[in-house]
Structure formats: structure tokens, C-alpha cells
Amino acid sequence: MTLTGPTDMAESLARRVKVLRLHRGWTQNTLAERSGVTNASYRRFETTGKASLELVLKVAHALARLEEFGQLFQPPPARSIEELERRSAGHAAKRGRI
């Protein structure tokens, strides 16, 4: 399957969450309650993929999958020793160039 954009990714995430929920034998209401979100918001996420980031993170936490989000948006590998040293010293770029 090739994802072509944010909507496809959101729908794919929602399908995977549903699979995990069903694997545990939980109803939508059970996962919503364990996540601390409303039933309506959770149902909307599962059927459309539309949800706030906070809702998705709460659901991931309830499913013991929150740590997977820690891998997102990591900086690229350093291209030089100098860049690695700057990063380890805490000197990150403050703004983009373009």
C-alpha cells in the first residue's frame, strides 16, 4: 500500500488502531474510556481518521504504543564531526535559511 498524503496516513492509522482494539477484545467505548476521550470523538477517529494529535496520543497511550511516537521528527544524522559537536554542545540552528 502506498500512502499519498496526510489523509491516507490518518485513515491508515485509524484502521491500525481498530485492529489493535479488536485484538484486545475492546469495544469502541472501552478504548475511549481508557483513553480519556469522548466516545463520539473516538468513533469519528476510527471511522474517518480525523482526530486531534492529543486524542491520537491518548489512544496510543491506552494501547501501550505511545513510545512509538518518540521516533517521529528526529533530526537527521550529523553530516560532519563539527555538526555532531555543535549538537552535543546544545547549539541547534535557531532558524531556517530559506
C-alpha atoms as a PDB file:
ATOM      1  CA  MET A   1       0.000   0.000   0.000  1.00  0.00           C
ATOM      2  CA  THR A   2       1.325   3.431  -0.911  1.00  0.00           C
ATOM      3  CA  LEU A   3       0.197   6.372   1.177  1.00  0.00           C
ATOM      4  CA  THR A   4      -0.138   9.520  -0.871  1.00  0.00           C
ATOM      5  CA  GLY A   5      -0.807  12.137   1.769  1.00  0.00           C
ATOM      6  CA  PRO A   6      -1.927  13.101   5.258  1.00  0.00           C
ATOM      7  CA  THR A   7      -5.498  11.912   4.763  1.00  0.00           C
ATOM      8  CA  ASP A   8      -4.330   8.472   3.677  1.00  0.00           C
ATOM      9  CA  MET A   9      -1.969   8.282   6.663  1.00  0.00           C
ATOM     10  CA  ALA A  10      -4.733   9.308   9.084  1.00  0.00           C
ATOM     11  CA  GLU A  11      -7.101   6.687   7.695  1.00  0.00           C
ATOM     12  CA  SER A  12      -4.371   4.045   7.849  1.00  0.00           C
ATOM     13  CA  LEU A  13      -3.598   4.906  11.485  1.00  0.00           C
ATOM     14  CA  ALA A  14      -7.285   4.676  12.353  1.00  0.00           C
ATOM     15  CA  ARG A  15      -7.537   1.234  10.722  1.00  0.00           C
ATOM     16  CA  ARG A  16      -4.472   0.017  12.636  1.00  0.00           C
ATOM     17  CA  VAL A  17      -5.875   1.320  15.922  1.00  0.00           C
ATOM     18  CA  LYS A  18      -9.114  -0.533  15.227  1.00  0.00           C
ATOM     19  CA  VAL A  19      -7.187  -3.763  14.621  1.00  0.00           C
ATOM     20  CA  LEU A  20      -5.324  -3.324  17.926  1.00  0.00           C
ATOM     21  CA  ARG A  21      -8.575  -2.536  19.744  1.00  0.00           C
ATOM     22  CA  LEU A  22     -10.289  -5.624  18.354  1.00  0.00           C
ATOM     23  CA  HIS A  23      -7.241  -7.773  19.113  1.00  0.00           C
ATOM     24  CA  ARG A  24      -7.678  -6.839  22.779  1.00  0.00           C
ATOM     25  CA  GLY A  25     -11.402  -7.543  22.584  1.00  0.00           C
ATOM     26  CA  TRP A  26     -12.294  -3.954  23.481  1.00  0.00           C
ATOM     27  CA  THR A  27     -15.322  -2.044  22.292  1.00  0.00           C
ATOM     28  CA  GLN A  28     -15.003   1.490  20.963  1.00  0.00           C
ATOM     29  CA  ASN A  29     -16.470   2.701  24.247  1.00  0.00           C
ATOM     30  CA  THR A  30     -13.887   0.768  26.259  1.00  0.00           C
ATOM     31  CA  LEU A  31     -10.959   2.277  24.363  1.00  0.00           C
ATOM     32  CA  ALA A  32     -12.469   5.749  24.523  1.00  0.00           C
ATOM     33  CA  GLU A  33     -12.906   5.426  28.284  1.00  0.00           C
ATOM     34  CA  ARG A  34      -9.395   4.059  28.828  1.00  0.00           C
ATOM     35  CA  SER A  35      -8.026   6.877  26.665  1.00  0.00           C
ATOM     36  CA  GLY A  36      -9.935   9.613  28.460  1.00  0.00           C
ATOM     37  CA  VAL A  37     -11.633  10.833  25.282  1.00  0.00           C
ATOM     38  CA  THR A  38     -15.294  11.056  24.400  1.00  0.00           C
ATOM     39  CA  ASN A  39     -16.963   8.136  22.677  1.00  0.00           C
ATOM     40  CA  ALA A  40     -18.038  10.384  19.800  1.00  0.00           C
ATOM     41  CA  SER A  41     -14.523  11.699  19.226  1.00  0.00           C
ATOM     42  CA  TYR A  42     -13.063   8.221  19.257  1.00  0.00           C
ATOM     43  CA  ARG A  43     -15.726   6.868  16.872  1.00  0.00           C
ATOM     44  CA  ARG A  44     -15.075   9.773  14.492  1.00  0.00           C
ATOM     45  CA  PHE A  45     -11.357   8.959  14.528  1.00  0.00           C
ATOM     46  CA  GLU A  46     -11.905   5.290  13.846  1.00  0.00           C
ATOM     47  CA  THR A  47     -14.370   5.870  11.004  1.00  0.00           C
ATOM     48  CA  THR A  48     -12.785   8.911   9.317  1.00  0.00           C
ATOM     49  CA  GLY A  49      -9.206   9.194  10.594  1.00  0.00           C
ATOM     50  CA  LYS A  50      -9.974  12.735  11.789  1.00  0.00           C
ATOM     51  CA  ALA A  51      -8.731  13.496  15.302  1.00  0.00           C
ATOM     52  CA  SER A  52      -6.575  15.887  17.245  1.00  0.00           C
ATOM     53  CA  LEU A  53      -2.994  14.925  17.915  1.00  0.00           C
ATOM     54  CA  GLU A  54      -3.857  14.835  21.610  1.00  0.00           C
ATOM     55  CA  LEU A  55      -6.603  12.257  21.007  1.00  0.00           C
ATOM     56  CA  VAL A  56      -4.276  10.072  18.936  1.00  0.00           C
ATOM     57  CA  LEU A  57      -1.595  10.242  21.633  1.00  0.00           C
ATOM     58  CA  LYS A  58      -4.106   9.361  24.360  1.00  0.00           C
ATOM     59  CA  VAL A  59      -5.325   6.379  22.348  1.00  0.00           C
ATOM     60  CA  ALA A  60      -1.736   5.278  21.715  1.00  0.00           C
ATOM     61  CA  HIS A  61      -1.042   5.522  25.449  1.00  0.00           C
ATOM     62  CA  ALA A  62      -4.094   3.403  26.287  1.00  0.00           C
ATOM     63  CA  LEU A  63      -2.868   0.798  23.790  1.00  0.00           C
ATOM     64  CA  ALA A  64       0.686   0.897  25.251  1.00  0.00           C
ATOM     65  CA  ARG A  65       2.057   2.211  21.934  1.00  0.00           C
ATOM     66  CA  LEU A  66       2.887   5.806  22.895  1.00  0.00           C
ATOM     67  CA  GLU A  67       6.649   5.236  22.785  1.00  0.00           C
ATOM     68  CA  GLU A  68       6.420   4.722  19.009  1.00  0.00           C
ATOM     69  CA  PHE A  69       5.655   8.426  18.609  1.00  0.00           C
ATOM     70  CA  GLY A  70       9.005   9.236  20.209  1.00  0.00           C
ATOM     71  CA  GLN A  71      10.699   8.224  16.967  1.00  0.00           C
ATOM     72  CA  LEU A  72       8.938  10.897  14.900  1.00  0.00           C
ATOM     73  CA  PHE A  73      10.701  14.073  13.794  1.00  0.00           C
ATOM     74  CA  GLN A  74      14.170  13.075  14.898  1.00  0.00           C
ATOM     75  CA  PRO A  75      16.908  15.288  13.438  1.00  0.00           C
ATOM     76  CA  PRO A  76      18.842  13.837  10.516  1.00  0.00           C
ATOM     77  CA  PRO A  77      22.221  12.253  11.221  1.00  0.00           C
ATOM     78  CA  ALA A  78      25.070  14.723  11.585  1.00  0.00           C
ATOM     79  CA  ARG A  79      26.955  15.272   8.324  1.00  0.00           C
ATOM     80  CA  SER A  80      30.251  16.075   9.980  1.00  0.00           C
ATOM     81  CA  ILE A  81      32.127  15.818  13.274  1.00  0.00           C
ATOM     82  CA  GLU A  82      31.762  19.578  13.632  1.00  0.00           C
ATOM     83  CA  GLU A  83      27.987  19.367  13.322  1.00  0.00           C
ATOM     84  CA  LEU A  84      27.889  16.499  15.817  1.00  0.00           C
ATOM     85  CA  GLU A  85      29.949  18.517  18.291  1.00  0.00           C
ATOM     86  CA  ARG A  86      27.659  21.561  17.863  1.00  0.00           C
ATOM     87  CA  ARG A  87      24.613  19.407  18.549  1.00  0.00           C
ATOM     88  CA  SER A  88      26.105  17.779  21.627  1.00  0.00           C
ATOM     89  CA  ALA A  89      27.039  21.226  22.952  1.00  0.00           C
ATOM     90  CA  GLY A  90      23.398  22.268  22.601  1.00  0.00           C
ATOM     91  CA  HIS A  91      23.877  24.716  19.744  1.00  0.00           C
ATOM     92  CA  ALA A  92      20.959  23.965  17.461  1.00  0.00           C
ATOM     93  CA  ALA A  93      20.011  26.104  14.489  1.00  0.00           C
ATOM     94  CA  LYS A  94      17.634  28.846  15.557  1.00  0.00           C
ATOM     95  CA  ARG A  95      16.026  29.462  12.146  1.00  0.00           C
ATOM     96  CA  GLY A  96      15.935  28.210   8.605  1.00  0.00           C
ATOM     97  CA  ARG A  97      17.876  29.779   5.762  1.00  0.00           C
ATOM     98  CA  ILE A  98      15.156  29.980   3.134  1.00  0.00           C
END
